[in-house]
Amino acid sequence: MARWRDDDEDEAQAPVVHCWLCERPMGSITEWHHPVPKAKGGRTREPVHPICHQAIHANFKNNELGRMGDDVGRIRSLPAMVQFLGWVAGKDPDFHAPTKGKQR
């Protein structure tokens, strides 16, 4: 005996994608970050929120990102990023606001 199915059941549940930096679920816009910049030979890309992508590039030069590689734990542990991650943690995945410029 066939069971009645809703159309929603036919669609496979897509896995929830999380931001590489803040680990919140992704919103409607996904940007792609090269943990090792392409100019430094990086090939892999990771999904990030636009605000997280801006925060990375506002705080690190490509040379610094190249040295840290894909060690996201190291990036997260640096003081400026600890502050940013604490601030953004409770925000909606589609939240966006201007980030501070480079502090050099």
PDB file of N, CA and C in Angstrom:
ATOM      1  N   MET A   1       0.847  -1.171   0.000  1.00  0.00           N
ATOM      2  CA  MET A   1       0.000   0.000   0.000  1.00  0.00           C
ATOM      3  C   MET A   1       0.897   1.241   0.000  1.00  0.00           C
ATOM      4  N   ALA A   2       0.652   2.130  -0.934  1.00  0.00           N
ATOM      5  CA  ALA A   2       1.450   3.347  -1.055  1.00  0.00           C
ATOM      6  C   ALA A   2       1.018   4.351  -0.004  1.00  0.00           C
ATOM      7  N   ARG A   3       1.962   5.041   0.523  1.00  0.00           N
ATOM      8  CA  ARG A   3       1.716   6.066   1.528  1.00  0.00           C
ATOM      9  C   ARG A   3       1.679   7.425   0.844  1.00  0.00           C
ATOM     10  N   TRP A   4       0.785   8.300   1.251  1.00  0.00           N
ATOM     11  CA  TRP A   4       0.696   9.645   0.692  1.00  0.00           C
ATOM     12  C   TRP A   4       1.908  10.440   1.154  1.00  0.00           C
ATOM     13  N   ARG A   5       2.541  11.163   0.217  1.00  0.00           N
ATOM     14  CA  ARG A   5       3.714  11.958   0.567  1.00  0.00           C
ATOM     15  C   ARG A   5       3.464  13.417   0.230  1.00  0.00           C
ATOM     16  N   ASP A   6       3.953  14.269   1.091  1.00  0.00           N
ATOM     17  CA  ASP A   6       3.933  15.698   0.789  1.00  0.00           C
ATOM     18  C   ASP A   6       5.055  15.995  -0.186  1.00  0.00           C
ATOM     19  N   ASP A   7       4.881  17.048  -0.965  1.00  0.00           N
ATOM     20  CA  ASP A   7       5.942  17.453  -1.887  1.00  0.00           C
ATOM     21  C   ASP A   7       7.235  17.749  -1.143  1.00  0.00           C
ATOM     22  N   ASP A   8       7.119  18.254   0.086  1.00  0.00           N
ATOM     23  CA  ASP A   8       8.303  18.587   0.860  1.00  0.00           C
ATOM     24  C   ASP A   8       9.145  17.353   1.174  1.00  0.00           C
ATOM     25  N   GLU A   9       8.510  16.209   1.284  1.00  0.00           N
ATOM     26  CA  GLU A   9       9.250  14.993   1.601  1.00  0.00           C
ATOM     27  C   GLU A   9      10.086  14.522   0.424  1.00  0.00           C
ATOM     28  N   ASP A  10       9.693  14.902  -0.798  1.00  0.00           N
ATOM     29  CA  ASP A  10      10.431  14.478  -1.975  1.00  0.00           C
ATOM     30  C   ASP A  10      11.764  15.196  -2.108  1.00  0.00           C
ATOM     31  N   GLU A  11      11.809  16.405  -1.590  1.00  0.00           N
ATOM     32  CA  GLU A  11      13.045  17.165  -1.683  1.00  0.00           C
ATOM     33  C   GLU A  11      14.017  16.659  -0.633  1.00  0.00           C
ATOM     34  N   ALA A  12      15.208  16.339  -1.068  1.00  0.00           N
ATOM     35  CA  ALA A  12      16.229  15.880  -0.131  1.00  0.00           C
ATOM     36  C   ALA A  12      16.633  17.060   0.753  1.00  0.00           C
ATOM     37  N   GLN A  13      16.802  16.779   2.005  1.00  0.00           N
ATOM     38  CA  GLN A  13      17.230  17.810   2.930  1.00  0.00           C
ATOM     39  C   GLN A  13      18.685  18.166   2.639  1.00  0.00           C
ATOM     40  N   ALA A  14      18.909  19.414   2.246  1.00  0.00           N
ATOM     41  CA  ALA A  14      20.274  19.873   1.984  1.00  0.00           C
ATOM     42  C   ALA A  14      20.994  20.031   3.314  1.00  0.00           C
ATOM     43  N   PRO A  15      22.251  19.628   3.373  1.00  0.00           N
ATOM     44  CA  PRO A  15      22.996  19.792   4.622  1.00  0.00           C
ATOM     45  C   PRO A  15      23.182  21.280   4.925  1.00  0.00           C
ATOM     46  N   VAL A  16      23.165  21.604   6.192  1.00  0.00           N
ATOM     47  CA  VAL A  16      23.363  22.988   6.606  1.00  0.00           C
ATOM     48  C   VAL A  16      24.850  23.321   6.442  1.00  0.00           C
ATOM     49  N   VAL A  17      25.116  24.396   5.734  1.00  0.00           N
ATOM     50  CA  VAL A  17      26.493  24.844   5.521  1.00  0.00           C
ATOM     51  C   VAL A  17      26.795  25.912   6.564  1.00  0.00           C
ATOM     52  N   HIS A  18      27.966  25.806   7.181  1.00  0.00           N
ATOM     53  CA  HIS A  18      28.378  26.755   8.202  1.00  0.00           C
ATOM     54  C   HIS A  18      29.547  27.601   7.720  1.00  0.00           C
ATOM     55  N   CYS A  19      29.615  28.808   8.244  1.00  0.00           N
ATOM     56  CA  CYS A  19      30.700  29.730   7.913  1.00  0.00           C
ATOM     57  C   CYS A  19      32.019  29.183   8.448  1.00  0.00           C
ATOM     58  N   TRP A  20      33.032  29.262   7.614  1.00  0.00           N
ATOM     59  CA  TRP A  20      34.371  28.788   7.974  1.00  0.00           C
ATOM     60  C   TRP A  20      34.919  29.545   9.168  1.00  0.00           C
ATOM     61  N   LEU A  21      34.614  30.832   9.274  1.00  0.00           N
ATOM     62  CA  LEU A  21      35.180  31.647  10.344  1.00  0.00           C
ATOM     63  C   LEU A  21      34.349  31.599  11.619  1.00  0.00           C
ATOM     64  N   CYS A  22      33.068  31.962  11.537  1.00  0.00           N
ATOM     65  CA  CYS A  22      32.268  32.109  12.760  1.00  0.00           C
ATOM     66  C   CYS A  22      31.455  30.869  13.112  1.00  0.00           C
ATOM     67  N   GLU A  23      31.340  29.937  12.204  1.00  0.00           N
ATOM     68  CA  GLU A  23      30.617  28.683  12.388  1.00  0.00           C
ATOM     69  C   GLU A  23      29.102  28.839  12.516  1.00  0.00           C
ATOM     70  N   ARG A  24      28.568  30.041  12.213  1.00  0.00           N
ATOM     71  CA  ARG A  24      27.113  30.199  12.173  1.00  0.00           C
ATOM     72  C   ARG A  24      26.621  29.615  10.853  1.00  0.00           C
ATOM     73  N   PRO A  25      25.346  29.208  10.794  1.00  0.00           N
ATOM     74  CA  PRO A  25      24.808  28.733   9.511  1.00  0.00           C
ATOM     75  C   PRO A  25      24.879  29.861   8.477  1.00  0.00           C
ATOM     76  N   MET A  26      25.061  29.479   7.238  1.00  0.00           N
ATOM     77  CA  MET A  26      25.121  30.469   6.167  1.00  0.00           C
ATOM     78  C   MET A  26      23.738  31.038   5.916  1.00  0.00           C
ATOM     79  N   GLY A  27      23.693  32.293   5.482  1.00  0.00           N
ATOM     80  CA  GLY A  27      22.447  32.961   5.133  1.00  0.00           C
ATOM     81  C   GLY A  27      22.201  32.866   3.643  1.00  0.00           C
ATOM     82  N   SER A  28      21.530  33.859   3.110  1.00  0.00           N
ATOM     83  CA  SER A  28      21.168  33.832   1.692  1.00  0.00           C
ATOM     84  C   SER A  28      22.338  34.173   0.774  1.00  0.00           C
ATOM     85  N   ILE A  29      23.375  34.825   1.303  1.00  0.00           N
ATOM     86  CA  ILE A  29      24.540  35.176   0.487  1.00  0.00           C
ATOM     87  C   ILE A  29      25.766  34.453   1.030  1.00  0.00           C
ATOM     88  N   THR A  30      26.449  33.761   0.150  1.00  0.00           N
ATOM     89  CA  THR A  30      27.688  33.077   0.520  1.00  0.00           C
ATOM     90  C   THR A  30      28.823  33.656  -0.288  1.00  0.00           C
ATOM     91  N   GLU A  31      29.865  34.061   0.397  1.00  0.00           N
ATOM     92  CA  GLU A  31      31.091  34.461  -0.282  1.00  0.00           C
ATOM     93  C   GLU A  31      32.097  33.347  -0.068  1.00  0.00           C
ATOM     94  N   TRP A  32      33.111  33.318  -0.915  1.00  0.00           N
ATOM     95  CA  TRP A  32      34.123  32.266  -0.844  1.00  0.00           C
ATOM     96  C   TRP A  32      35.474  32.883  -0.535  1.00  0.00           C
ATOM     97  N   HIS A  33      36.103  32.382   0.519  1.00  0.00           N
ATOM     98  CA  HIS A  33      37.386  32.898   0.991  1.00  0.00           C
ATOM     99  C   HIS A  33      38.475  31.866   0.715  1.00  0.00           C
ATOM    100  N   HIS A  34      39.590  32.329   0.189  1.00  0.00           N
ATOM    101  CA  HIS A  34      40.777  31.478   0.024  1.00  0.00           C
ATOM    102  C   HIS A  34      41.606  31.606   1.303  1.00  0.00           C
ATOM    103  N   PRO A  35      41.634  30.583   2.181  1.00  0.00           N
ATOM    104  CA  PRO A  35      42.438  30.678   3.407  1.00  0.00           C
ATOM    105  C   PRO A  35      43.895  31.029   3.099  1.00  0.00           C
ATOM    106  N   VAL A  36      44.442  30.415   2.088  1.00  0.00           N
ATOM    107  CA  VAL A  36      45.746  30.818   1.567  1.00  0.00           C
ATOM    108  C   VAL A  36      45.431  31.599   0.296  1.00  0.00           C
ATOM    109  N   PRO A  37      45.782  32.880   0.255  1.00  0.00           N
ATOM    110  CA  PRO A  37      45.436  33.692  -0.919  1.00  0.00           C
ATOM    111  C   PRO A  37      45.931  33.074  -2.222  1.00  0.00           C
ATOM    112  N   LYS A  38      45.169  33.293  -3.290  1.00  0.00           N
ATOM    113  CA  LYS A  38      45.566  32.761  -4.599  1.00  0.00           C
ATOM    114  C   LYS A  38      46.964  33.240  -4.976  1.00  0.00           C
ATOM    115  N   ALA A  39      47.297  34.477  -4.619  1.00  0.00           N
ATOM    116  CA  ALA A  39      48.618  35.028  -4.941  1.00  0.00           C
ATOM    117  C   ALA A  39      49.736  34.272  -4.226  1.00  0.00           C
ATOM    118  N   LYS A  40      49.394  33.556  -3.175  1.00  0.00           N
ATOM    119  CA  LYS A  40      50.375  32.778  -2.413  1.00  0.00           C
ATOM    120  C   LYS A  40      50.247  31.279  -2.714  1.00  0.00           C
ATOM    121  N   GLY A  41      49.522  30.945  -3.776  1.00  0.00           N
ATOM    122  CA  GLY A  41      49.399  29.549  -4.192  1.00  0.00           C
ATOM    123  C   GLY A  41      48.185  28.824  -3.648  1.00  0.00           C
ATOM    124  N   GLY A  42      47.288  29.525  -2.980  1.00  0.00           N
ATOM    125  CA  GLY A  42      46.110  28.878  -2.409  1.00  0.00           C
ATOM    126  C   GLY A  42      45.115  28.470  -3.478  1.00  0.00           C
ATOM    127  N   ARG A  43      44.504  27.339  -3.275  1.00  0.00           N
ATOM    128  CA  ARG A  43      43.514  26.841  -4.221  1.00  0.00           C
ATOM    129  C   ARG A  43      42.166  26.572  -3.558  1.00  0.00           C
ATOM    130  N   THR A  44      42.184  26.193  -2.303  1.00  0.00           N
ATOM    131  CA  THR A  44      40.926  25.854  -1.638  1.00  0.00           C
ATOM    132  C   THR A  44      40.144  27.107  -1.283  1.00  0.00           C
ATOM    133  N   ARG A  45      38.831  26.956  -1.274  1.00  0.00           N
ATOM    134  CA  ARG A  45      37.934  28.044  -0.917  1.00  0.00           C
ATOM    135  C   ARG A  45      36.991  27.552   0.163  1.00  0.00           C
ATOM    136  N   GLU A  46      36.636  28.456   1.057  1.00  0.00           N
ATOM    137  CA  GLU A  46      35.731  28.124   2.155  1.00  0.00           C
ATOM    138  C   GLU A  46      34.559  29.104   2.169  1.00  0.00           C
ATOM    139  N   PRO A  47      33.353  28.620   2.511  1.00  0.00           N
ATOM    140  CA  PRO A  47      32.193  29.520   2.569  1.00  0.00           C
ATOM    141  C   PRO A  47      32.270  30.432   3.795  1.00  0.00           C
ATOM    142  N   VAL A  48      31.994  31.710   3.584  1.00  0.00           N
ATOM    143  CA  VAL A  48      31.977  32.687   4.677  1.00  0.00           C
ATOM    144  C   VAL A  48      30.850  33.691   4.452  1.00  0.00           C
ATOM    145  N   HIS A  49      30.368  34.268   5.537  1.00  0.00           N
ATOM    146  CA  HIS A  49      29.413  35.372   5.437  1.00  0.00           C
ATOM    147  C   HIS A  49      30.152  36.588   4.881  1.00  0.00           C
ATOM    148  N   PRO A  50      29.454  37.471   4.190  1.00  0.00           N
ATOM    149  CA  PRO A  50      30.110  38.692   3.704  1.00  0.00           C
ATOM    150  C   PRO A  50      30.772  39.491   4.830  1.00  0.00           C
ATOM    151  N   ILE A  51      30.117  39.593   5.993  1.00  0.00           N
ATOM    152  CA  ILE A  51      30.690  40.361   7.093  1.00  0.00           C
ATOM    153  C   ILE A  51      31.942  39.675   7.654  1.00  0.00           C
ATOM    154  N   CYS A  52      31.957  38.354   7.655  1.00  0.00           N
ATOM    155  CA  CYS A  52      33.130  37.620   8.130  1.00  0.00           C
ATOM    156  C   CYS A  52      34.287  37.780   7.138  1.00  0.00           C
ATOM    157  N   HIS A  53      33.968  37.759   5.861  1.00  0.00           N
ATOM    158  CA  HIS A  53      34.991  37.940   4.827  1.00  0.00           C
ATOM    159  C   HIS A  53      35.628  39.322   4.958  1.00  0.00           C
ATOM    160  N   GLN A  54      34.785  40.335   5.180  1.00  0.00           N
ATOM    161  CA  GLN A  54      35.309  41.683   5.361  1.00  0.00           C
ATOM    162  C   GLN A  54      36.187  41.768   6.602  1.00  0.00           C
ATOM    163  N   ALA A  55      35.782  41.118   7.676  1.00  0.00           N
ATOM    164  CA  ALA A  55      36.562  41.155   8.916  1.00  0.00           C
ATOM    165  C   ALA A  55      37.934  40.511   8.721  1.00  0.00           C
ATOM    166  N   ILE A  56      37.977  39.417   7.988  1.00  0.00           N
ATOM    167  CA  ILE A  56      39.263  38.761   7.729  1.00  0.00           C
ATOM    168  C   ILE A  56      40.191  39.727   7.006  1.00  0.00           C
ATOM    169  N   HIS A  57      39.705  40.320   5.918  1.00  0.00           N
ATOM    170  CA  HIS A  57      40.571  41.168   5.106  1.00  0.00           C
ATOM    171  C   HIS A  57      40.820  42.538   5.724  1.00  0.00           C
ATOM    172  N   ALA A  58      39.992  42.951   6.690  1.00  0.00           N
ATOM    173  CA  ALA A  58      40.244  44.197   7.404  1.00  0.00           C
ATOM    174  C   ALA A  58      41.345  44.026   8.443  1.00  0.00           C
ATOM    175  N   ASN A  59      41.595  42.790   8.861  1.00  0.00           N
ATOM    176  CA  ASN A  59      42.554  42.540   9.934  1.00  0.00           C
ATOM    177  C   ASN A  59      43.851  41.863   9.499  1.00  0.00           C
ATOM    178  N   PHE A  60      43.877  41.310   8.298  1.00  0.00           N
ATOM    179  CA  PHE A  60      45.063  40.571   7.877  1.00  0.00           C
ATOM    180  C   PHE A  60      45.465  40.933   6.452  1.00  0.00           C
ATOM    181  N   LYS A  61      46.749  41.043   6.242  1.00  0.00           N
ATOM    182  CA  LYS A  61      47.285  41.212   4.889  1.00  0.00           C
ATOM    183  C   LYS A  61      47.414  39.823   4.277  1.00  0.00           C
ATOM    184  N   ASN A  62      47.512  39.771   2.958  1.00  0.00           N
ATOM    185  CA  ASN A  62      47.661  38.474   2.287  1.00  0.00           C
ATOM    186  C   ASN A  62      48.894  37.715   2.763  1.00  0.00           C
ATOM    187  N   ASN A  63      49.983  38.427   3.062  1.00  0.00           N
ATOM    188  CA  ASN A  63      51.185  37.748   3.571  1.00  0.00           C
ATOM    189  C   ASN A  63      50.892  37.032   4.888  1.00  0.00           C
ATOM    190  N   GLU A  64      50.135  37.701   5.770  1.00  0.00           N
ATOM    191  CA  GLU A  64      49.789  37.086   7.057  1.00  0.00           C
ATOM    192  C   GLU A  64      48.883  35.874   6.850  1.00  0.00           C
ATOM    193  N   LEU A  65      47.904  36.014   5.974  1.00  0.00           N
ATOM    194  CA  LEU A  65      47.009  34.888   5.703  1.00  0.00           C
ATOM    195  C   LEU A  65      47.785  33.727   5.096  1.00  0.00           C
ATOM    196  N   GLY A  66      48.743  34.019   4.229  1.00  0.00           N
ATOM    197  CA  GLY A  66      49.568  32.976   3.635  1.00  0.00           C
ATOM    198  C   GLY A  66      50.370  32.216   4.680  1.00  0.00           C
ATOM    199  N   ARG A  67      50.885  32.937   5.684  1.00  0.00           N
ATOM    200  CA  ARG A  67      51.663  32.275   6.747  1.00  0.00           C
ATOM    201  C   ARG A  67      50.778  31.431   7.656  1.00  0.00           C
ATOM    202  N   MET A  68      49.553  31.895   7.905  1.00  0.00           N
ATOM    203  CA  MET A  68      48.648  31.143   8.788  1.00  0.00           C
ATOM    204  C   MET A  68      48.005  29.966   8.070  1.00  0.00           C
ATOM    205  N   GLY A  69      47.960  30.040   6.747  1.00  0.00           N
ATOM    206  CA  GLY A  69      47.371  28.951   5.978  1.00  0.00           C
ATOM    207  C   GLY A  69      45.906  28.756   6.307  1.00  0.00           C
ATOM    208  N   ASP A  70      45.492  27.510   6.335  1.00  0.00           N
ATOM    209  CA  ASP A  70      44.083  27.225   6.608  1.00  0.00           C
ATOM    210  C   ASP A  70      43.826  26.936   8.081  1.00  0.00           C
ATOM    211  N   ASP A  71      44.714  27.428   8.960  1.00  0.00           N
ATOM    212  CA  ASP A  71      44.569  27.224  10.403  1.00  0.00           C
ATOM    213  C   ASP A  71      43.547  28.213  10.965  1.00  0.00           C
ATOM    214  N   VAL A  72      42.272  27.896  10.799  1.00  0.00           N
ATOM    215  CA  VAL A  72      41.210  28.804  11.226  1.00  0.00           C
ATOM    216  C   VAL A  72      41.239  29.012  12.739  1.00  0.00           C
ATOM    217  N   GLY A  73      41.691  28.037  13.485  1.00  0.00           N
ATOM    218  CA  GLY A  73      41.794  28.184  14.940  1.00  0.00           C
ATOM    219  C   GLY A  73      42.759  29.290  15.316  1.00  0.00           C
ATOM    220  N   ARG A  74      43.827  29.409  14.584  1.00  0.00           N
ATOM    221  CA  ARG A  74      44.813  30.465  14.842  1.00  0.00           C
ATOM    222  C   ARG A  74      44.212  31.837  14.530  1.00  0.00           C
ATOM    223  N   ILE A  75      43.481  31.926  13.428  1.00  0.00           N
ATOM    224  CA  ILE A  75      42.843  33.189  13.069  1.00  0.00           C
ATOM    225  C   ILE A  75      41.813  33.568  14.128  1.00  0.00           C
ATOM    226  N   ARG A  76      41.010  32.598  14.551  1.00  0.00           N
ATOM    227  CA  ARG A  76      39.971  32.864  15.555  1.00  0.00           C
ATOM    228  C   ARG A  76      40.541  33.284  16.903  1.00  0.00           C
ATOM    229  N   SER A  77      41.757  32.867  17.212  1.00  0.00           N
ATOM    230  CA  SER A  77      42.328  33.137  18.533  1.00  0.00           C
ATOM    231  C   SER A  77      42.986  34.508  18.650  1.00  0.00           C
ATOM    232  N   LEU A  78      43.177  35.214  17.545  1.00  0.00           N
ATOM    233  CA  LEU A  78      43.816  36.516  17.599  1.00  0.00           C
ATOM    234  C   LEU A  78      42.847  37.548  18.167  1.00  0.00           C
ATOM    235  N   PRO A  79      43.339  38.480  19.007  1.00  0.00           N
ATOM    236  CA  PRO A  79      42.473  39.393  19.760  1.00  0.00           C
ATOM    237  C   PRO A  79      41.387  40.107  18.951  1.00  0.00           C
ATOM    238  N   ALA A  80      41.717  40.654  17.798  1.00  0.00           N
ATOM    239  CA  ALA A  80      40.715  41.369  17.003  1.00  0.00           C
ATOM    240  C   ALA A  80      39.603  40.428  16.549  1.00  0.00           C
ATOM    241  N   MET A  81      39.962  39.196  16.227  1.00  0.00           N
ATOM    242  CA  MET A  81      38.966  38.247  15.765  1.00  0.00           C
ATOM    243  C   MET A  81      38.140  37.698  16.925  1.00  0.00           C
ATOM    244  N   VAL A  82      38.747  37.529  18.088  1.00  0.00           N
ATOM    245  CA  VAL A  82      37.986  37.095  19.274  1.00  0.00           C
ATOM    246  C   VAL A  82      36.879  38.110  19.542  1.00  0.00           C
ATOM    247  N   GLN A  83      37.222  39.393  19.485  1.00  0.00           N
ATOM    248  CA  GLN A  83      36.240  40.438  19.713  1.00  0.00           C
ATOM    249  C   GLN A  83      35.146  40.408  18.645  1.00  0.00           C
ATOM    250  N   PHE A  84      35.542  40.300  17.384  1.00  0.00           N
ATOM    251  CA  PHE A  84      34.570  40.249  16.290  1.00  0.00           C
ATOM    252  C   PHE A  84      33.659  39.032  16.437  1.00  0.00           C
ATOM    253  N   LEU A  85      34.227  37.867  16.686  1.00  0.00           N
ATOM    254  CA  LEU A  85      33.431  36.636  16.777  1.00  0.00           C
ATOM    255  C   LEU A  85      32.454  36.679  17.942  1.00  0.00           C
ATOM    256  N   GLY A  86      32.853  37.282  19.047  1.00  0.00           N
ATOM    257  CA  GLY A  86      31.945  37.432  20.175  1.00  0.00           C
ATOM    258  C   GLY A  86      30.780  38.341  19.829  1.00  0.00           C
ATOM    259  N   TRP A  87      31.070  39.393  19.067  1.00  0.00           N
ATOM    260  CA  TRP A  87      30.043  40.350  18.670  1.00  0.00           C
ATOM    261  C   TRP A  87      29.074  39.755  17.657  1.00  0.00           C
ATOM    262  N   VAL A  88      29.578  39.005  16.689  1.00  0.00           N
ATOM    263  CA  VAL A  88      28.739  38.505  15.599  1.00  0.00           C
ATOM    264  C   VAL A  88      28.006  37.206  15.960  1.00  0.00           C
ATOM    265  N   ALA A  89      28.396  36.565  17.037  1.00  0.00           N
ATOM    266  CA  ALA A  89      27.872  35.238  17.378  1.00  0.00           C
ATOM    267  C   ALA A  89      26.350  35.175  17.448  1.00  0.00           C
ATOM    268  N   GLY A  90      25.701  36.163  18.003  1.00  0.00           N
ATOM    269  CA  GLY A  90      24.256  36.113  18.163  1.00  0.00           C
ATOM    270  C   GLY A  90      23.476  36.732  17.016  1.00  0.00           C
ATOM    271  N   LYS A  91      24.165  37.159  15.986  1.00  0.00           N
ATOM    272  CA  LYS A  91      23.504  37.840  14.871  1.00  0.00           C
ATOM    273  C   LYS A  91      22.871  36.838  13.905  1.00  0.00           C
ATOM    274  N   ASP A  92      21.847  37.321  13.208  1.00  0.00           N
ATOM    275  CA  ASP A  92      21.180  36.543  12.170  1.00  0.00           C
ATOM    276  C   ASP A  92      22.184  36.215  11.053  1.00  0.00           C
ATOM    277  N   PRO A  93      22.070  35.055  10.407  1.00  0.00           N
ATOM    278  CA  PRO A  93      23.013  34.716   9.336  1.00  0.00           C
ATOM    279  C   PRO A  93      23.063  35.741   8.192  1.00  0.00           C
ATOM    280  N   ASP A  94      21.982  36.480   7.974  1.00  0.00           N
ATOM    281  CA  ASP A  94      21.972  37.482   6.914  1.00  0.00           C
ATOM    282  C   ASP A  94      22.334  38.880   7.413  1.00  0.00           C
ATOM    283  N   PHE A  95      22.725  38.994   8.679  1.00  0.00           N
ATOM    284  CA  PHE A  95      23.112  40.282   9.240  1.00  0.00           C
ATOM    285  C   PHE A  95      24.338  40.815   8.512  1.00  0.00           C
ATOM    286  N   HIS A  96      24.309  42.119   8.244  1.00  0.00           N
ATOM    287  CA  HIS A  96      25.480  42.746   7.636  1.00  0.00           C
ATOM    288  C   HIS A  96      25.612  44.167   8.166  1.00  0.00           C
ATOM    289  N   ALA A  97      26.808  44.584   8.428  1.00  0.00           N
ATOM    290  CA  ALA A  97      27.109  45.931   8.879  1.00  0.00           C
ATOM    291  C   ALA A  97      28.514  46.273   8.404  1.00  0.00           C
ATOM    292  N   PRO A  98      28.822  47.533   8.272  1.00  0.00           N
ATOM    293  CA  PRO A  98      30.189  47.901   7.876  1.00  0.00           C
ATOM    294  C   PRO A  98      31.181  47.428   8.944  1.00  0.00           C
ATOM    295  N   THR A  99      32.327  46.992   8.508  1.00  0.00           N
ATOM    296  CA  THR A  99      33.371  46.604   9.457  1.00  0.00           C
ATOM    297  C   THR A  99      34.382  47.727   9.519  1.00  0.00           C
ATOM    298  N   LYS A 100      35.122  47.765  10.623  1.00  0.00           N
ATOM    299  CA  LYS A 100      36.160  48.775  10.763  1.00  0.00           C
ATOM    300  C   LYS A 100      37.214  48.550   9.705  1.00  0.00           C
ATOM    301  N   GLY A 101      37.798  49.635   9.278  1.00  0.00           N
ATOM    302  CA  GLY A 101      38.862  49.527   8.281  1.00  0.00           C
ATOM    303  C   GLY A 101      40.110  48.920   8.874  1.00  0.00           C
ATOM    304  N   LYS A 102      41.109  48.779   8.047  1.00  0.00           N
ATOM    305  CA  LYS A 102      42.370  48.202   8.489  1.00  0.00           C
ATOM    306  C   LYS A 102      42.961  49.069   9.586  1.00  0.00           C
ATOM    307  N   GLN A 103      43.436  48.423  10.614  1.00  0.00           N
ATOM    308  CA  GLN A 103      44.015  49.129  11.760  1.00  0.00           C
ATOM    309  C   GLN A 103      45.515  48.924  11.749  1.00  0.00           C
ATOM    310  N   ARG A 104      46.165  49.565  10.835  1.00  0.00           N
ATOM    311  CA  ARG A 104      47.616  49.390  10.709  1.00  0.00           C
ATOM    312  C   ARG A 104      48.314  50.710  10.906  1.00  0.00           C
TER     313      ARG A 104
END
